[in-house]
C-alpha atoms as a PDB file:
ATOM      1  CA  MET A   1      12.616-236.043-187.184  1.00  0.00           C
ATOM      2  CA  LEU A   2      14.558-233.492-189.035  1.00  0.00           C
ATOM      3  CA  THR A   3      17.202-231.273-186.625  1.00  0.00           C
ATOM      4  CA  ILE A   4      18.070-227.562-186.935  1.00  0.00           C
ATOM      5  CA  ASP A   5      21.904-228.541-189.186  1.00  0.00           C
ATOM      6  CA  ASP A   6      18.637-230.405-191.574  1.00  0.00           C
ATOM      7  CA  PHE A   7      16.531-227.354-191.790  1.00  0.00           C
ATOM      8  CA  GLN A   8      19.678-224.906-192.431  1.00  0.00           C
ATOM      9  CA  LYS A   9      20.177-226.641-195.404  1.00  0.00           C
ATOM     10  CA  LEU A  10      17.683-225.216-197.411  1.00  0.00           C
ATOM     11  CA  ASP A  11      18.081-221.632-198.965  1.00  0.00           C
ATOM     12  CA  ILE A  12      13.872-220.803-198.721  1.00  0.00           C
ATOM     13  CA  ARG A  13      13.831-217.002-200.141  1.00  0.00           C
ATOM     14  CA  ILE A  14      11.328-214.620-201.164  1.00  0.00           C
ATOM     15  CA  GLY A  15      11.301-213.600-204.187  1.00  0.00           C
ATOM     16  CA  THR A  16       8.290-211.343-206.065  1.00  0.00           C
ATOM     17  CA  VAL A  17       6.733-212.878-208.831  1.00  0.00           C
ATOM     18  CA  LEU A  18       7.431-210.606-212.666  1.00  0.00           C
ATOM     19  CA  SER A  19       4.839-212.947-214.379  1.00  0.00           C
ATOM     20  CA  ALA A  20       1.927-216.283-214.692  1.00  0.00           C
ATOM     21  CA  GLU A  21       0.781-218.566-216.804  1.00  0.00           C
ATOM     22  CA  LYS A  22      -0.627-221.329-217.651  1.00  0.00           C
ATOM     23  CA  VAL A  23       1.984-223.829-219.084  1.00  0.00           C
ATOM     24  CA  PRO A  24      -0.002-224.282-222.196  1.00  0.00           C
ATOM     25  CA  GLU A  25      -2.132-228.473-222.402  1.00  0.00           C
ATOM     26  CA  THR A  26      -1.879-228.503-218.820  1.00  0.00           C
ATOM     27  CA  ASP A  27      -4.641-227.921-216.313  1.00  0.00           C
ATOM     28  CA  LYS A  28      -2.978-227.342-213.080  1.00  0.00           C
ATOM     29  CA  LEU A  29       0.915-226.085-214.068  1.00  0.00           C
ATOM     30  CA  LEU A  30       1.602-222.643-213.739  1.00  0.00           C
ATOM     31  CA  LYS A  31       5.156-220.830-215.034  1.00  0.00           C
ATOM     32  CA  PHE A  32       6.503-217.843-212.756  1.00  0.00           C
ATOM     33  CA  GLU A  33       9.354-215.843-213.388  1.00  0.00           C
ATOM     34  CA  LEU A  34      10.131-214.082-209.905  1.00  0.00           C
ATOM     35  CA  ASP A  35      13.424-212.104-208.716  1.00  0.00           C
ATOM     36  CA  PHE A  36      14.861-213.231-205.581  1.00  0.00           C
ATOM     37  CA  GLY A  37      17.132-209.789-205.460  1.00  0.00           C
ATOM     38  CA  THR A  38      20.640-210.661-207.725  1.00  0.00           C
ATOM     39  CA  GLU A  39      18.663-213.431-209.590  1.00  0.00           C
ATOM     40  CA  LYS A  40      15.938-214.485-211.328  1.00  0.00           C
ATOM     41  CA  ARG A  41      14.508-218.020-211.559  1.00  0.00           C
ATOM     42  CA  THR A  42      11.415-220.087-213.193  1.00  0.00           C
ATOM     43  CA  ILE A  43       9.559-222.327-211.225  1.00  0.00           C
ATOM     44  CA  ILE A  44       6.429-223.869-212.394  1.00  0.00           C
ATOM     45  CA  GLY A  45       3.841-225.273-210.122  1.00  0.00           C
ATOM     46  CA  GLY A  46       1.059-226.896-209.400  1.00  0.00           C
ATOM     47  CA  TRP A  47      -0.950-223.629-208.887  1.00  0.00           C
ATOM     48  CA  ALA A  48      -3.930-222.983-211.914  1.00  0.00           C
ATOM     49  CA  VAL A  49      -7.349-224.583-210.515  1.00  0.00           C
ATOM     50  CA  ALA A  50      -6.808-222.165-206.969  1.00  0.00           C
ATOM     51  CA  TYR A  51      -5.410-219.463-209.469  1.00  0.00           C
ATOM     52  CA  PRO A  52      -7.587-219.494-212.486  1.00  0.00           C
ATOM     53  CA  GLU A  53      -5.943-215.599-213.195  1.00  0.00           C
ATOM     54  CA  PRO A  54      -2.441-215.915-212.965  1.00  0.00           C
ATOM     55  CA  ALA A  55      -1.408-212.790-213.569  1.00  0.00           C
ATOM     56  CA  LYS A  56      -3.285-211.490-210.878  1.00  0.00           C
ATOM     57  CA  LEU A  57      -0.218-212.947-208.913  1.00  0.00           C
ATOM     58  CA  VAL A  58       2.163-210.148-210.932  1.00  0.00           C
ATOM     59  CA  GLY A  59       3.725-207.764-208.032  1.00  0.00           C
ATOM     60  CA  THR A  60       3.020-210.576-205.217  1.00  0.00           C
ATOM     61  CA  GLN A  61       6.361-211.498-203.115  1.00  0.00           C
ATOM     62  CA  LEU A  62       6.514-215.197-202.262  1.00  0.00           C
ATOM     63  CA  ALA A  63       8.308-218.237-200.129  1.00  0.00           C
ATOM     64  CA  ALA A  64      10.070-220.465-201.998  1.00  0.00           C
ATOM     65  CA  ILE A  65      12.832-223.190-202.049  1.00  0.00           C
ATOM     66  CA  LEU A  66      15.869-221.957-204.307  1.00  0.00           C
ATOM     67  CA  ASN A  67      18.701-224.566-203.708  1.00  0.00           C
ATOM     68  CA  LEU A  68      16.275-227.988-205.270  1.00  0.00           C
ATOM     69  CA  GLU A  69      18.109-229.801-208.268  1.00  0.00           C
ATOM     70  CA  PRO A  70      16.040-228.042-211.166  1.00  0.00           C
ATOM     71  CA  ARG A  71      13.899-230.190-212.960  1.00  0.00           C
ATOM     72  CA  THR A  72      12.353-230.018-216.511  1.00  0.00           C
ATOM     73  CA  ILE A  73       8.626-230.332-215.837  1.00  0.00           C
ATOM     74  CA  ARG A  74       6.671-230.039-219.460  1.00  0.00           C
ATOM     75  CA  GLY A  75       9.889-229.235-221.149  1.00  0.00           C
ATOM     76  CA  ILE A  76      10.512-226.182-218.748  1.00  0.00           C
ATOM     77  CA  ALA A  77      12.948-225.902-216.189  1.00  0.00           C
ATOM     78  CA  SER A  78      12.523-225.534-212.666  1.00  0.00           C
ATOM     79  CA  GLN A  79      14.317-223.538-210.894  1.00  0.00           C
ATOM     80  CA  GLY A  80      13.257-224.877-207.429  1.00  0.00           C
ATOM     81  CA  MET A  81      10.102-225.432-205.417  1.00  0.00           C
ATOM     82  CA  LEU A  82       7.281-222.622-204.113  1.00  0.00           C
ATOM     83  CA  LEU A  83       6.178-222.855-201.007  1.00  0.00           C
ATOM     84  CA  SER A  84       2.645-222.849-199.926  1.00  0.00           C
ATOM     85  CA  ALA A  85      -0.447-224.224-197.297  1.00  0.00           C
ATOM     86  CA  VAL A  86      -2.932-226.788-198.449  1.00  0.00           C
ATOM     87  CA  HIS A  87      -6.424-226.019-197.893  1.00  0.00           C
ATOM     88  CA  ASN A  88      -8.894-228.531-199.385  1.00  0.00           C
ATOM     89  CA  GLU A  89      -6.709-229.975-201.401  1.00  0.00           C
ATOM     90  CA  GLN A  90      -5.601-226.738-203.074  1.00  0.00           C
ATOM     91  CA  PRO A  91      -2.463-224.287-202.392  1.00  0.00           C
ATOM     92  CA  VAL A  92      -2.975-221.160-200.952  1.00  0.00           C
ATOM     93  CA  ALA A  93       0.655-218.619-201.587  1.00  0.00           C
ATOM     94  CA  LEU A  94       2.359-217.880-198.322  1.00  0.00           C
ATOM     95  CA  HIS A  95       3.609-214.663-198.142  1.00  0.00           C
ATOM     96  CA  PRO A  96       5.040-211.977-196.244  1.00  0.00           C
ATOM     97  CA  ASP A  97       2.674-209.840-194.132  1.00  0.00           C
ATOM     98  CA  ARG A  98       3.790-206.349-195.402  1.00  0.00           C
ATOM     99  CA  SER A  99       7.266-206.039-198.460  1.00  0.00           C
ATOM    100  CA  VAL A 100      10.735-206.845-197.840  1.00  0.00           C
ATOM    101  CA  GLU A 101      14.105-207.092-200.268  1.00  0.00           C
ATOM    102  CA  ASN A 102      13.599-209.916-202.983  1.00  0.00           C
ATOM    103  CA  GLY A 103      16.171-213.049-201.608  1.00  0.00           C
ATOM    104  CA  SER A 104      15.072-212.482-197.909  1.00  0.00           C
ATOM    105  CA  VAL A 105      16.411-214.995-196.372  1.00  0.00           C
ATOM    106  CA  VAL A 106      13.747-217.224-194.371  1.00  0.00           C
ATOM    107  CA  ARG A 107      14.126-218.926-191.537  1.00  0.00           C
END
């Protein structure tokens, strides 16, 4: 079990998708560019099967964990992790039910 102190270490924020595209030579990976208000970040996620037309995600607000160490995936530095529900073994985007400021904290 995690304590509330453990949970509060996570920096979860809302960002708006600026671009989303398939990572070349992969079946599952998408490259996202998101605006978190004070900064823009690139995040790689295994969402391509669930979202075969990634450009339709542009303008969508998504939740992401921002204080993970960057990880290089297929030569691209991923600067966070998008949060999703899993349905039928595929990701389903988590997003606010109304627009919020980019960089809004998720608690």
